[in-house]
């Protein structure tokens, strides 16, 4: 697959139904990073998720039932800001819909680049790749 040099951002998004339209949700972080501007018109390409066959039966049932899916995937790279410290001393960041990413070794206020290493229905774990990332 060839990727255009005009690519502004790449993210995972969910397609939802709103009234008589299908809507692709753009993460707030993409707008805040300055990649895109609200109100502008963009070309959108949808790419099938890799690993569909790797989903567990439980994940397939939740998806079929229309239950919300975690907004991150294993192996995904994210920029997050640590907002809190958990009971075990790990950093806590929140992304879309308040979904929690646990970031071991991070402190409150740090903005870090993480790779998602584990995904559960209500939280994920991210390993720090770069600390104090400025976007």
N, C-alpha and C. Protein backbone atom coordinates (compact mmCIF):
# COMPACT_ATOMS: atom_id res chain seq x y z
N UNK A 1 0.85 -1.17 0.00
CA UNK A 1 0.00 0.00 0.00
C UNK A 1 0.89 1.23 0.00
N UNK A 2 0.57 2.19 -0.85
CA UNK A 2 1.33 3.43 -0.93
C UNK A 2 0.65 4.47 -0.06
N UNK A 3 1.45 5.21 0.73
CA UNK A 3 0.91 6.24 1.60
C UNK A 3 1.31 7.60 1.04
N UNK A 4 0.35 8.47 0.90
CA UNK A 4 0.57 9.80 0.33
C UNK A 4 1.49 10.63 1.20
N UNK A 5 2.30 11.48 0.55
CA UNK A 5 3.14 12.43 1.28
C UNK A 5 2.29 13.51 1.95
N UNK A 6 1.03 13.60 1.58
CA UNK A 6 0.13 14.59 2.14
C UNK A 6 -0.51 14.11 3.46
N UNK A 7 -0.15 12.92 3.92
CA UNK A 7 -0.72 12.38 5.16
C UNK A 7 -0.46 13.34 6.31
N UNK A 8 -1.52 13.80 6.98
CA UNK A 8 -1.39 14.72 8.10
C UNK A 8 -1.31 14.01 9.44
N UNK A 9 -2.07 12.92 9.58
CA UNK A 9 -2.08 12.19 10.84
C UNK A 9 -2.62 10.79 10.58
N UNK A 10 -2.35 9.91 11.52
CA UNK A 10 -2.82 8.53 11.43
C UNK A 10 -3.26 8.12 12.82
N UNK A 11 -4.49 7.64 12.94
CA UNK A 11 -5.01 7.26 14.25
C UNK A 11 -6.05 6.17 14.07
N UNK A 12 -6.39 5.52 15.17
CA UNK A 12 -7.48 4.56 15.16
C UNK A 12 -8.75 5.31 15.51
N UNK A 13 -9.79 5.08 14.78
CA UNK A 13 -11.06 5.74 15.05
C UNK A 13 -12.21 4.77 14.92
N UNK A 14 -13.27 5.07 15.59
CA UNK A 14 -14.45 4.21 15.57
C UNK A 14 -15.49 4.83 14.65
N UNK A 15 -16.14 4.01 13.86
CA UNK A 15 -17.24 4.48 13.02
C UNK A 15 -18.53 4.24 13.79
N UNK A 16 -19.28 5.32 14.03
CA UNK A 16 -20.53 5.22 14.77
C UNK A 16 -21.68 5.73 13.91
N UNK A 17 -22.89 5.44 14.33
CA UNK A 17 -24.08 5.91 13.63
C UNK A 17 -24.68 7.05 14.43
N UNK A 18 -24.94 8.18 13.75
CA UNK A 18 -25.58 9.33 14.37
C UNK A 18 -26.67 9.80 13.42
N UNK A 19 -27.91 9.64 13.86
CA UNK A 19 -29.06 9.93 13.01
C UNK A 19 -28.95 9.12 11.72
N UNK A 20 -28.86 9.78 10.57
CA UNK A 20 -28.77 9.04 9.31
C UNK A 20 -27.37 9.13 8.69
N UNK A 21 -26.35 9.35 9.55
CA UNK A 21 -24.97 9.45 9.07
C UNK A 21 -24.07 8.48 9.82
N UNK A 22 -22.96 8.13 9.20
CA UNK A 22 -21.91 7.38 9.86
C UNK A 22 -20.80 8.37 10.17
N UNK A 23 -20.29 8.33 11.40
CA UNK A 23 -19.33 9.32 11.86
C UNK A 23 -18.03 8.64 12.28
N UNK A 24 -16.89 9.19 11.81
CA UNK A 24 -15.58 8.73 12.24
C UNK A 24 -15.10 9.74 13.28
N UNK A 25 -14.82 9.28 14.48
CA UNK A 25 -14.39 10.15 15.56
C UNK A 25 -12.89 10.39 15.47
N UNK A 26 -12.51 11.67 15.45
CA UNK A 26 -11.10 12.06 15.41
C UNK A 26 -10.67 12.34 16.84
N UNK A 27 -9.58 11.71 17.31
CA UNK A 27 -9.12 11.96 18.68
C UNK A 27 -8.77 13.44 18.90
N UNK A 28 -9.14 13.96 20.05
CA UNK A 28 -8.87 15.34 20.42
C UNK A 28 -7.38 15.66 20.30
N UNK A 29 -6.53 14.67 20.59
CA UNK A 29 -5.08 14.88 20.54
C UNK A 29 -4.61 15.28 19.14
N UNK A 30 -5.29 14.82 18.09
CA UNK A 30 -4.89 15.16 16.72
C UNK A 30 -5.16 16.64 16.43
N UNK A 31 -6.25 17.16 16.98
CA UNK A 31 -6.56 18.58 16.80
C UNK A 31 -5.61 19.41 17.65
N UNK A 32 -5.40 19.00 18.91
CA UNK A 32 -4.51 19.73 19.80
C UNK A 32 -3.08 19.75 19.29
N UNK A 33 -2.65 18.71 18.60
CA UNK A 33 -1.29 18.65 18.07
C UNK A 33 -1.14 19.55 16.84
N UNK A 34 -2.25 20.08 16.34
CA UNK A 34 -2.19 20.99 15.20
C UNK A 34 -2.17 20.29 13.86
N UNK A 35 -2.40 18.98 13.85
CA UNK A 35 -2.39 18.25 12.59
C UNK A 35 -3.59 18.61 11.72
N UNK A 36 -4.72 18.84 12.35
CA UNK A 36 -5.95 19.14 11.62
C UNK A 36 -6.71 20.25 12.34
N UNK A 37 -7.59 20.91 11.60
CA UNK A 37 -8.38 22.01 12.15
C UNK A 37 -9.86 21.68 12.05
N UNK A 38 -10.62 21.88 13.12
CA UNK A 38 -12.08 21.66 13.06
C UNK A 38 -12.70 22.57 11.99
N UNK A 39 -13.69 22.07 11.32
CA UNK A 39 -14.39 22.84 10.31
C UNK A 39 -13.80 22.75 8.92
N UNK A 40 -12.59 22.23 8.79
CA UNK A 40 -11.97 22.06 7.50
C UNK A 40 -12.42 20.73 6.89
N UNK A 41 -12.27 20.60 5.59
CA UNK A 41 -12.64 19.37 4.88
C UNK A 41 -11.36 18.62 4.55
N UNK A 42 -11.35 17.31 4.82
CA UNK A 42 -10.18 16.47 4.58
C UNK A 42 -10.60 15.22 3.82
N UNK A 43 -9.66 14.63 3.11
CA UNK A 43 -9.89 13.32 2.50
C UNK A 43 -9.62 12.29 3.59
N UNK A 44 -10.43 11.26 3.65
CA UNK A 44 -10.30 10.23 4.68
C UNK A 44 -10.13 8.88 4.00
N UNK A 45 -9.15 8.12 4.47
CA UNK A 45 -8.94 6.76 3.97
C UNK A 45 -9.14 5.82 5.15
N UNK A 46 -9.85 4.75 4.94
CA UNK A 46 -10.07 3.77 6.00
C UNK A 46 -9.27 2.52 5.66
N UNK A 47 -8.52 2.04 6.63
CA UNK A 47 -7.66 0.87 6.45
C UNK A 47 -8.15 -0.22 7.39
N UNK A 48 -8.33 -1.43 6.89
CA UNK A 48 -8.79 -2.54 7.73
C UNK A 48 -7.80 -2.77 8.86
N UNK A 49 -8.34 -3.11 10.00
CA UNK A 49 -7.50 -3.39 11.16
C UNK A 49 -6.76 -4.69 10.95
N UNK A 50 -5.47 -4.69 11.23
CA UNK A 50 -4.71 -5.93 11.23
C UNK A 50 -5.08 -6.71 12.48
N UNK A 51 -4.97 -8.01 12.41
CA UNK A 51 -5.18 -8.83 13.61
C UNK A 51 -6.63 -9.13 13.91
N UNK A 52 -7.54 -8.89 12.99
CA UNK A 52 -8.95 -9.20 13.23
C UNK A 52 -9.12 -10.65 13.64
N UNK A 53 -8.34 -11.53 13.00
CA UNK A 53 -8.45 -12.95 13.32
C UNK A 53 -7.89 -13.28 14.71
N UNK A 54 -7.12 -12.35 15.30
CA UNK A 54 -6.52 -12.60 16.61
C UNK A 54 -7.46 -12.24 17.77
N UNK A 55 -8.60 -11.65 17.48
CA UNK A 55 -9.53 -11.27 18.54
C UNK A 55 -10.06 -12.51 19.25
N UNK A 56 -10.31 -12.36 20.54
CA UNK A 56 -10.89 -13.45 21.30
C UNK A 56 -12.39 -13.51 21.02
N UNK A 57 -13.01 -14.64 21.37
CA UNK A 57 -14.45 -14.76 21.19
C UNK A 57 -15.17 -13.69 22.00
N UNK A 58 -14.67 -13.38 23.22
CA UNK A 58 -15.27 -12.37 24.07
C UNK A 58 -15.25 -11.00 23.38
N UNK A 59 -14.11 -10.65 22.76
CA UNK A 59 -14.00 -9.38 22.05
C UNK A 59 -14.96 -9.33 20.87
N UNK A 60 -15.08 -10.43 20.14
CA UNK A 60 -16.00 -10.47 19.00
C UNK A 60 -17.45 -10.31 19.46
N UNK A 61 -17.79 -10.95 20.58
CA UNK A 61 -19.16 -10.84 21.11
C UNK A 61 -19.46 -9.41 21.55
N UNK A 62 -18.52 -8.75 22.22
CA UNK A 62 -18.72 -7.36 22.65
C UNK A 62 -18.90 -6.45 21.44
N UNK A 63 -18.08 -6.65 20.42
CA UNK A 63 -18.17 -5.83 19.21
C UNK A 63 -19.52 -6.06 18.53
N UNK A 64 -19.93 -7.33 18.43
CA UNK A 64 -21.21 -7.66 17.78
C UNK A 64 -22.38 -7.09 18.56
N UNK A 65 -22.25 -7.02 19.89
CA UNK A 65 -23.32 -6.48 20.73
C UNK A 65 -23.33 -4.95 20.73
N UNK A 66 -22.34 -4.35 20.07
CA UNK A 66 -22.30 -2.90 19.99
C UNK A 66 -21.70 -2.24 21.22
N UNK A 67 -21.06 -3.01 22.10
CA UNK A 67 -20.44 -2.42 23.28
C UNK A 67 -19.23 -1.60 22.88
N UNK A 68 -18.96 -0.51 23.63
CA UNK A 68 -17.79 0.31 23.31
C UNK A 68 -16.50 -0.51 23.38
N UNK A 69 -15.61 -0.24 22.44
CA UNK A 69 -14.32 -0.93 22.38
C UNK A 69 -13.24 -0.01 22.93
N UNK A 70 -12.17 -0.57 23.45
CA UNK A 70 -11.06 0.28 23.90
C UNK A 70 -10.58 1.15 22.74
N UNK A 71 -10.24 2.42 23.01
CA UNK A 71 -9.81 3.32 21.94
C UNK A 71 -8.35 3.15 21.54
N UNK A 72 -7.68 2.13 22.07
CA UNK A 72 -6.28 1.86 21.73
C UNK A 72 -6.10 0.40 21.37
N UNK A 73 -4.99 0.10 20.70
CA UNK A 73 -4.65 -1.28 20.33
C UNK A 73 -3.23 -1.57 20.77
N UNK A 74 -2.94 -2.84 21.01
CA UNK A 74 -1.56 -3.24 21.31
C UNK A 74 -0.66 -2.83 20.17
N UNK A 75 0.52 -2.29 20.52
CA UNK A 75 1.48 -1.87 19.52
C UNK A 75 1.30 -0.44 19.05
N UNK A 76 0.17 0.18 19.39
CA UNK A 76 -0.10 1.56 18.99
C UNK A 76 0.82 2.52 19.76
N UNK A 77 1.26 3.57 19.10
CA UNK A 77 2.09 4.60 19.73
C UNK A 77 1.18 5.79 20.03
N UNK A 78 1.26 6.30 21.25
CA UNK A 78 0.43 7.43 21.68
C UNK A 78 1.27 8.44 22.43
N UNK A 79 0.87 9.70 22.36
CA UNK A 79 1.42 10.75 23.20
C UNK A 79 0.37 11.01 24.28
N UNK A 80 0.75 10.88 25.54
CA UNK A 80 -0.21 11.06 26.63
C UNK A 80 0.38 11.96 27.70
N UNK A 81 -0.51 12.58 28.46
CA UNK A 81 -0.09 13.38 29.61
C UNK A 81 -0.55 12.67 30.87
N UNK A 82 0.38 12.46 31.80
CA UNK A 82 0.07 11.76 33.04
C UNK A 82 -0.66 12.73 33.97
N UNK A 83 -1.87 12.32 34.38
CA UNK A 83 -2.74 13.18 35.18
C UNK A 83 -2.76 12.80 36.66
N UNK A 84 -2.37 11.57 36.96
CA UNK A 84 -2.54 11.08 38.33
C UNK A 84 -1.54 9.95 38.56
N UNK A 85 -1.42 9.53 39.81
CA UNK A 85 -0.59 8.38 40.17
C UNK A 85 -1.51 7.34 40.81
N UNK A 86 -1.40 6.10 40.34
CA UNK A 86 -2.22 5.01 40.86
C UNK A 86 -1.71 4.48 42.19
N UNK A 87 -2.44 3.57 42.78
CA UNK A 87 -2.11 2.98 44.08
C UNK A 87 -0.76 2.29 44.08
N UNK A 88 -0.34 1.75 42.94
CA UNK A 88 0.95 1.06 42.84
C UNK A 88 2.08 2.01 42.46
N UNK A 89 1.79 3.31 42.33
CA UNK A 89 2.82 4.29 41.99
C UNK A 89 3.01 4.53 40.51
N UNK A 90 2.15 3.92 39.67
CA UNK A 90 2.26 4.10 38.23
C UNK A 90 1.51 5.35 37.78
N UNK A 91 2.01 5.96 36.69
CA UNK A 91 1.32 7.11 36.13
C UNK A 91 0.00 6.69 35.50
N UNK A 92 -0.96 7.60 35.55
CA UNK A 92 -2.29 7.37 34.98
C UNK A 92 -2.56 8.47 33.97
N UNK A 93 -2.85 8.08 32.74
CA UNK A 93 -3.25 9.02 31.69
C UNK A 93 -4.63 8.61 31.21
N UNK A 94 -5.38 9.58 30.71
CA UNK A 94 -6.71 9.29 30.18
C UNK A 94 -6.78 9.77 28.73
N UNK A 95 -7.44 8.97 27.90
CA UNK A 95 -7.62 9.32 26.50
C UNK A 95 -9.11 9.36 26.19
N UNK A 96 -9.50 9.08 24.97
CA UNK A 96 -10.90 9.17 24.58
C UNK A 96 -11.83 8.47 25.57
N UNK A 97 -12.98 9.12 25.81
CA UNK A 97 -14.03 8.59 26.70
C UNK A 97 -13.52 8.28 28.10
N UNK A 98 -12.41 8.90 28.54
CA UNK A 98 -11.88 8.68 29.88
C UNK A 98 -11.15 7.37 30.05
N UNK A 99 -10.89 6.67 28.96
CA UNK A 99 -10.19 5.38 29.01
C UNK A 99 -8.80 5.58 29.62
N UNK A 100 -8.43 4.71 30.55
CA UNK A 100 -7.20 4.84 31.32
C UNK A 100 -6.04 4.09 30.66
N UNK A 101 -4.89 4.78 30.61
CA UNK A 101 -3.63 4.13 30.20
C UNK A 101 -2.69 4.24 31.40
N UNK A 102 -2.24 3.09 31.89
CA UNK A 102 -1.30 3.03 33.00
C UNK A 102 0.11 3.14 32.42
N UNK A 103 0.90 4.06 32.98
CA UNK A 103 2.25 4.31 32.46
C UNK A 103 3.26 4.14 33.60
N UNK A 104 3.79 2.93 33.77
CA UNK A 104 4.78 2.71 34.84
C UNK A 104 5.99 3.63 34.66
N UNK A 105 6.43 4.20 35.78
CA UNK A 105 7.63 5.04 35.77
C UNK A 105 7.39 6.49 35.40
N UNK A 106 6.14 6.88 35.20
CA UNK A 106 5.84 8.27 34.83
C UNK A 106 5.32 9.04 36.03
N UNK A 107 5.55 10.35 36.04
CA UNK A 107 5.09 11.22 37.11
C UNK A 107 4.01 12.16 36.61
N UNK A 108 3.23 12.70 37.54
CA UNK A 108 2.16 13.64 37.21
C UNK A 108 2.75 14.82 36.42
N UNK A 109 2.05 15.19 35.37
CA UNK A 109 2.46 16.33 34.55
C UNK A 109 3.39 15.99 33.41
N UNK A 110 3.96 14.79 33.41
CA UNK A 110 4.84 14.41 32.31
C UNK A 110 4.02 14.14 31.05
N UNK A 111 4.54 14.58 29.92
CA UNK A 111 3.95 14.25 28.61
C UNK A 111 4.93 13.27 27.99
N UNK A 112 4.44 12.06 27.73
CA UNK A 112 5.33 10.99 27.27
C UNK A 112 4.79 10.31 26.02
N UNK A 113 5.72 9.75 25.26
CA UNK A 113 5.37 8.93 24.10
C UNK A 113 5.41 7.50 24.58
N UNK A 114 4.30 6.77 24.42
CA UNK A 114 4.22 5.39 24.91
C UNK A 114 3.82 4.44 23.80
N UNK A 115 4.25 3.19 23.96
CA UNK A 115 3.75 2.11 23.11
C UNK A 115 2.80 1.28 23.96
N UNK A 116 1.60 1.05 23.45
CA UNK A 116 0.61 0.27 24.19
C UNK A 116 1.04 -1.19 24.16
N UNK A 117 1.24 -1.76 25.35
CA UNK A 117 1.74 -3.14 25.44
C UNK A 117 0.67 -4.14 25.87
N UNK A 118 -0.41 -3.64 26.47
CA UNK A 118 -1.48 -4.53 26.93
C UNK A 118 -2.79 -3.76 26.89
N UNK A 119 -3.84 -4.38 26.40
CA UNK A 119 -5.15 -3.73 26.30
C UNK A 119 -6.21 -4.60 26.96
N UNK A 120 -6.93 -4.02 27.89
CA UNK A 120 -8.08 -4.66 28.55
C UNK A 120 -9.32 -3.80 28.25
N UNK A 121 -10.49 -4.29 28.62
CA UNK A 121 -11.72 -3.55 28.30
C UNK A 121 -11.77 -2.19 28.99
N UNK A 122 -11.18 -2.05 30.19
CA UNK A 122 -11.29 -0.79 30.91
C UNK A 122 -9.97 -0.07 31.16
N UNK A 123 -8.85 -0.62 30.72
CA UNK A 123 -7.57 0.07 30.83
C UNK A 123 -6.55 -0.56 29.90
N UNK A 124 -5.46 0.18 29.69
CA UNK A 124 -4.33 -0.33 28.90
C UNK A 124 -3.05 0.01 29.64
N UNK A 125 -1.96 -0.64 29.26
CA UNK A 125 -0.65 -0.35 29.83
C UNK A 125 0.22 0.16 28.70
N UNK A 126 0.95 1.25 28.96
CA UNK A 126 1.83 1.83 27.96
C UNK A 126 3.25 1.92 28.48
N UNK A 127 4.20 1.51 27.65
CA UNK A 127 5.63 1.57 27.99
C UNK A 127 6.21 2.87 27.43
N UNK A 128 6.93 3.62 28.26
CA UNK A 128 7.50 4.91 27.84
C UNK A 128 8.55 4.69 26.76
N UNK A 129 8.41 5.44 25.67
CA UNK A 129 9.41 5.46 24.60
C UNK A 129 10.25 6.73 24.69
N UNK A 130 9.61 7.89 24.90
CA UNK A 130 10.28 9.17 25.06
C UNK A 130 9.60 9.94 26.18
N UNK A 131 10.41 10.61 27.02
CA UNK A 131 9.85 11.43 28.09
C UNK A 131 9.81 12.88 27.68
N UNK A 132 8.90 13.63 28.31
CA UNK A 132 8.77 15.08 28.09
C UNK A 132 8.76 15.43 26.61
N UNK A 133 7.80 14.88 25.91
CA UNK A 133 7.68 15.09 24.47
C UNK A 133 7.01 16.44 24.23
N UNK A 134 7.62 17.26 23.41
CA UNK A 134 7.00 18.53 23.03
C UNK A 134 6.44 18.37 21.63
N UNK A 135 5.17 18.70 21.46
CA UNK A 135 4.54 18.59 20.14
C UNK A 135 4.38 19.96 19.53
